[in-house]
């Protein structure tokens, strides 16, 4: 009993195109042909095809299937590497499922950056955009701290979001003071903020250029003024605190 290519594909649970592809790669032996040119497949072809499909289903790359089927010495290492890749894929899928569950529970936009679901729903589009950029520039340890910072700074961040481009000085000054106090506390609680190199996922130059461009693009002139002055004030506050902490005449609190 012999089968056509279509009949072989049906018995193997695959497609004619897949069989032809395996022929081109040299994985599946070409069968004899009838006088009219049609291929004639037999049981050995079916078994060979099923063995190939089994390895492909396990995730073995097609380029390595021939070596694995031949029992090459590298086969155990190939399978161990494949197992590691599958384990990582499982972790990513589990993380995606957990993120989806959080998004549904907190009723936040589906494109909310991972880990920021608790604050993203109450943040402006610009702030959420910055959070997205953070996820590409900093490592996981830094992002964990940034999540805490985002939660603690929710009030002042909301007021900054609402600041119009032509806000007068009397509207800016209280916000600068509040933001500076928050930033100074962050610099003390998270010292890496002063020198983030060890927590960067990209180079220092790429990180700096990306953040500068993003901030200039996303915030209006009044917001940029408040951010700049608040950062300067925060660093001055931290410097004074550090100087006092080394002054023996200052009694500890």
Protein backbone atom coordinates (compact mmCIF):
# COMPACT_ATOMS: atom_id res chain seq x y z
CA UNK A 1 0.00 0.00 0.00
CA UNK A 2 1.41 3.39 -0.99
CA UNK A 3 0.16 6.89 -0.28
CA UNK A 4 0.23 10.20 -2.07
CA UNK A 5 1.74 13.28 -0.46
CA UNK A 6 -1.72 14.46 0.61
CA UNK A 7 -2.58 11.08 2.09
CA UNK A 8 0.73 10.96 3.99
CA UNK A 9 0.09 14.44 5.34
CA UNK A 10 -3.36 13.39 6.58
CA UNK A 11 -1.95 10.33 8.36
CA UNK A 12 0.84 12.34 9.99
CA UNK A 13 -1.38 15.25 11.01
CA UNK A 14 0.61 17.79 9.03
CA UNK A 15 0.45 19.54 5.65
CA UNK A 16 1.69 18.89 2.15
CA UNK A 17 3.79 22.05 2.30
CA UNK A 18 5.46 20.86 5.49
CA UNK A 19 6.39 17.55 3.87
CA UNK A 20 7.83 19.36 0.88
CA UNK A 21 9.78 21.63 3.22
CA UNK A 22 11.26 18.59 4.98
CA UNK A 23 12.28 17.19 1.61
CA UNK A 24 14.07 20.45 0.73
CA UNK A 25 15.93 20.37 4.05
CA UNK A 26 16.93 16.75 3.54
CA UNK A 27 15.11 15.61 6.67
CA UNK A 28 12.65 13.33 4.92
CA UNK A 29 13.85 10.93 2.22
CA UNK A 30 12.31 11.37 -1.20
CA UNK A 31 10.13 8.35 -2.17
CA UNK A 32 9.90 6.59 -5.48
CA UNK A 33 7.55 7.97 -8.12
CA UNK A 34 4.91 6.37 -10.26
CA UNK A 35 5.16 6.50 -14.02
CA UNK A 36 3.02 9.65 -13.95
CA UNK A 37 5.41 11.42 -11.59
CA UNK A 38 3.37 11.13 -8.39
CA UNK A 39 5.29 10.23 -5.25
CA UNK A 40 4.61 6.95 -3.51
CA UNK A 41 5.03 7.01 0.27
CA UNK A 42 5.13 3.88 2.41
CA UNK A 43 5.15 3.05 6.13
CA UNK A 44 8.85 3.91 6.66
CA UNK A 45 8.17 7.38 5.29
CA UNK A 46 5.25 7.81 7.66
CA UNK A 47 7.32 6.67 10.65
CA UNK A 48 10.20 8.94 9.66
CA UNK A 49 7.83 11.86 9.26
CA UNK A 50 6.26 11.18 12.67
CA UNK A 51 9.71 11.08 14.29
CA UNK A 52 10.58 14.42 12.71
CA UNK A 53 7.28 15.89 13.87
CA UNK A 54 7.90 14.63 17.40
CA UNK A 55 11.22 16.44 17.61
CA UNK A 56 9.75 19.56 16.01
CA UNK A 57 6.91 19.51 18.57
CA UNK A 58 9.50 19.36 21.35
CA UNK A 59 10.98 22.53 19.91
CA UNK A 60 14.14 21.08 18.38
CA UNK A 61 15.22 23.48 15.60
CA UNK A 62 14.86 21.96 12.15
CA UNK A 63 18.56 22.55 11.51
CA UNK A 64 19.41 20.24 14.44
CA UNK A 65 16.83 17.49 13.89
CA UNK A 66 19.08 15.41 11.64
CA UNK A 67 21.86 15.38 14.26
CA UNK A 68 19.45 14.57 17.09
CA UNK A 69 17.88 11.70 15.13
CA UNK A 70 21.34 10.37 14.41
CA UNK A 71 22.13 10.31 18.12
CA UNK A 72 24.91 12.86 17.97
CA UNK A 73 27.01 13.42 21.11
CA UNK A 74 25.65 16.96 21.27
CA UNK A 75 22.05 15.72 21.63
CA UNK A 76 21.90 15.85 25.48
CA UNK A 77 23.28 19.39 25.48
CA UNK A 78 20.84 20.39 22.73
CA UNK A 79 17.95 19.08 24.81
CA UNK A 80 19.20 20.79 27.97
CA UNK A 81 19.44 24.12 26.15
CA UNK A 82 15.98 23.56 24.72
CA UNK A 83 14.65 22.79 28.18
CA UNK A 84 16.09 26.06 29.46
CA UNK A 85 14.45 27.98 26.63
CA UNK A 86 11.12 26.31 27.35
CA UNK A 87 11.43 27.12 31.05
CA UNK A 88 12.01 30.78 30.20
CA UNK A 89 9.02 30.75 27.84
CA UNK A 90 6.88 29.31 30.63
CA UNK A 91 8.05 32.03 33.01
CA UNK A 92 7.15 34.70 30.45
CA UNK A 93 3.71 33.17 29.90
CA UNK A 94 3.05 32.92 33.64
CA UNK A 95 4.15 36.53 34.06
CA UNK A 96 1.84 37.58 31.22
CA UNK A 97 -1.09 35.76 32.84
CA UNK A 98 -0.37 37.41 36.18
CA UNK A 99 -0.19 40.83 34.48
CA UNK A 100 -3.51 40.22 32.72
CA UNK A 101 -5.13 39.23 36.02
CA UNK A 102 -3.86 42.44 37.64
CA UNK A 103 -5.04 44.58 34.72
CA UNK A 104 -8.52 43.06 34.92
CA UNK A 105 -8.64 43.37 38.70
CA UNK A 106 -7.48 47.00 38.83
CA UNK A 107 -9.37 47.99 35.67
CA UNK A 108 -6.39 49.79 34.15
CA UNK A 109 -5.48 50.14 30.46
CA UNK A 110 -4.18 46.92 28.92
CA UNK A 111 -0.94 48.61 27.84
CA UNK A 112 -0.08 49.71 31.39
CA UNK A 113 3.63 49.08 32.07
CA UNK A 114 4.15 45.89 34.09
CA UNK A 115 4.26 46.46 37.83
CA UNK A 116 2.74 49.95 37.69
CA UNK A 117 -0.91 48.90 37.62
CA UNK A 118 -1.58 50.33 41.09
CA UNK A 119 -0.65 53.87 40.01
CA UNK A 120 -1.12 53.97 36.23
CA UNK A 121 -4.88 54.34 36.42
CA UNK A 122 -4.48 57.60 38.33
CA UNK A 123 -1.61 59.02 36.31
CA UNK A 124 -1.63 61.23 33.27
CA UNK A 125 -0.80 60.01 29.79
CA UNK A 126 2.58 61.75 30.02
CA UNK A 127 3.49 60.14 33.33
CA UNK A 128 2.50 56.71 32.04
CA UNK A 129 4.64 57.33 28.97
CA UNK A 130 7.63 58.07 31.21
CA UNK A 131 6.98 54.85 33.16
CA UNK A 132 7.00 52.90 29.89
CA UNK A 133 10.37 54.41 29.01
CA UNK A 134 11.73 53.57 32.47
CA UNK A 135 11.00 49.88 31.88
CA UNK A 136 13.48 49.90 29.00
CA UNK A 137 16.21 51.94 30.66
CA UNK A 138 16.51 50.47 34.17
CA UNK A 139 16.97 46.99 35.60
CA UNK A 140 14.41 45.14 37.74
CA UNK A 141 15.91 46.27 41.05
CA UNK A 142 15.66 49.92 40.03
CA UNK A 143 12.13 49.47 38.67
CA UNK A 144 11.02 48.02 42.01
CA UNK A 145 12.19 51.23 43.69
CA UNK A 146 10.62 53.39 40.99
CA UNK A 147 7.27 51.69 41.63
CA UNK A 148 7.47 52.68 45.30
CA UNK A 149 8.48 56.21 44.38
CA UNK A 150 5.55 56.50 41.95
CA UNK A 151 3.10 55.38 44.64
CA UNK A 152 4.48 57.78 47.27
CA UNK A 153 4.57 60.76 44.89
CA UNK A 154 1.03 60.39 43.58
CA UNK A 155 -0.31 63.64 45.09
CA UNK A 156 2.42 65.97 43.93
CA UNK A 157 2.53 64.22 40.54
CA UNK A 158 -1.17 64.91 40.04
CA UNK A 159 -0.69 68.61 40.82
CA UNK A 160 2.25 68.79 38.43
CA UNK A 161 0.11 67.20 35.71
CA UNK A 162 -2.50 69.92 36.15
CA UNK A 163 -0.03 72.82 36.00
CA UNK A 164 -0.78 74.90 32.87
CA UNK A 165 2.00 76.05 30.58
CA UNK A 166 1.49 79.70 31.59
CA UNK A 167 1.25 79.06 35.34
CA UNK A 168 2.34 82.15 37.35
CA UNK A 169 5.24 82.09 39.79
CA UNK A 170 2.94 81.98 42.81
CA UNK A 171 1.47 78.73 41.50
CA UNK A 172 4.87 77.22 40.81
CA UNK A 173 6.64 77.96 44.11
CA UNK A 174 4.50 75.74 46.41
CA UNK A 175 4.77 72.90 43.92
CA UNK A 176 8.54 73.30 43.69
CA UNK A 177 8.80 73.09 47.48
CA UNK A 178 6.63 69.98 47.70
CA UNK A 179 8.33 68.26 44.80
CA UNK A 180 11.80 69.11 46.12
CA UNK A 181 10.94 67.60 49.50
CA UNK A 182 9.72 64.41 47.81
CA UNK A 183 12.76 64.22 45.53
CA UNK A 184 15.17 64.79 48.43
CA UNK A 185 13.56 61.97 50.38
CA UNK A 186 13.94 59.69 47.35
CA UNK A 187 17.63 60.59 46.99
CA UNK A 188 18.17 59.61 50.62
CA UNK A 189 16.06 56.45 50.53
CA UNK A 190 17.37 55.29 47.16
CA UNK A 191 21.03 56.41 46.90
CA UNK A 192 21.46 54.81 43.47
CA UNK A 193 19.38 57.65 42.01
CA UNK A 194 22.42 59.93 42.37
CA UNK A 195 24.55 57.50 40.39
CA UNK A 196 22.32 55.03 38.51
CA UNK A 197 24.99 53.50 36.26
CA UNK A 198 24.89 50.11 37.99
CA UNK A 199 21.12 49.91 37.43
CA UNK A 200 21.01 50.90 33.77
CA UNK A 201 19.75 48.47 31.15
CA UNK A 202 21.20 50.69 28.41
CA UNK A 203 24.35 52.77 28.23
CA UNK A 204 24.64 56.01 30.20
CA UNK A 205 24.56 58.07 27.01
CA UNK A 206 21.49 56.32 25.60
CA UNK A 207 19.67 56.61 28.94
CA UNK A 208 20.50 60.28 29.37
CA UNK A 209 19.61 61.22 25.81
CA UNK A 210 16.35 59.27 25.90
CA UNK A 211 15.20 60.76 29.20
CA UNK A 212 16.08 64.33 28.20
CA UNK A 213 14.23 64.02 24.90
CA UNK A 214 11.22 62.42 26.56
CA UNK A 215 10.91 65.01 29.32
CA UNK A 216 11.31 67.93 26.91
CA UNK A 217 8.68 66.45 24.62
CA UNK A 218 6.12 65.40 27.23
CA UNK A 219 6.02 68.30 29.70
CA UNK A 220 5.02 71.92 29.15
CA UNK A 221 7.31 74.91 29.92
CA UNK A 222 5.91 75.52 33.40
CA UNK A 223 6.21 71.85 34.33
CA UNK A 224 9.78 71.75 33.03
CA UNK A 225 10.62 74.84 35.09
CA UNK A 226 9.16 73.25 38.24
CA UNK A 227 10.95 69.96 37.62
CA UNK A 228 14.32 71.65 37.05
CA UNK A 229 14.13 73.92 40.08
CA UNK A 230 12.79 71.16 42.30
CA UNK A 231 15.66 68.85 41.36
CA UNK A 232 18.21 71.56 42.19
CA UNK A 233 16.51 72.30 45.50
CA UNK A 234 16.34 68.60 46.35
CA UNK A 235 20.06 68.12 45.79
CA UNK A 236 20.82 71.16 47.93
CA UNK A 237 18.66 69.72 50.72
CA UNK A 238 20.44 66.38 50.55
CA UNK A 239 23.84 68.07 50.54
CA UNK A 240 22.95 70.08 53.64
CA UNK A 241 21.68 66.94 55.34
CA UNK A 242 24.91 65.12 54.56
CA UNK A 243 27.01 68.02 55.85
CA UNK A 244 25.04 68.13 59.09
CA UNK A 245 25.33 64.39 59.55
CA UNK A 246 29.13 64.81 59.71
CA UNK A 247 29.01 67.80 62.07
CA UNK A 248 29.90 66.62 65.62
CA UNK A 249 28.14 69.65 67.10
CA UNK A 250 24.80 68.41 65.77
CA UNK A 251 23.17 65.99 68.20
CA UNK A 252 21.51 62.99 66.51
CA UNK A 253 17.73 63.11 66.37
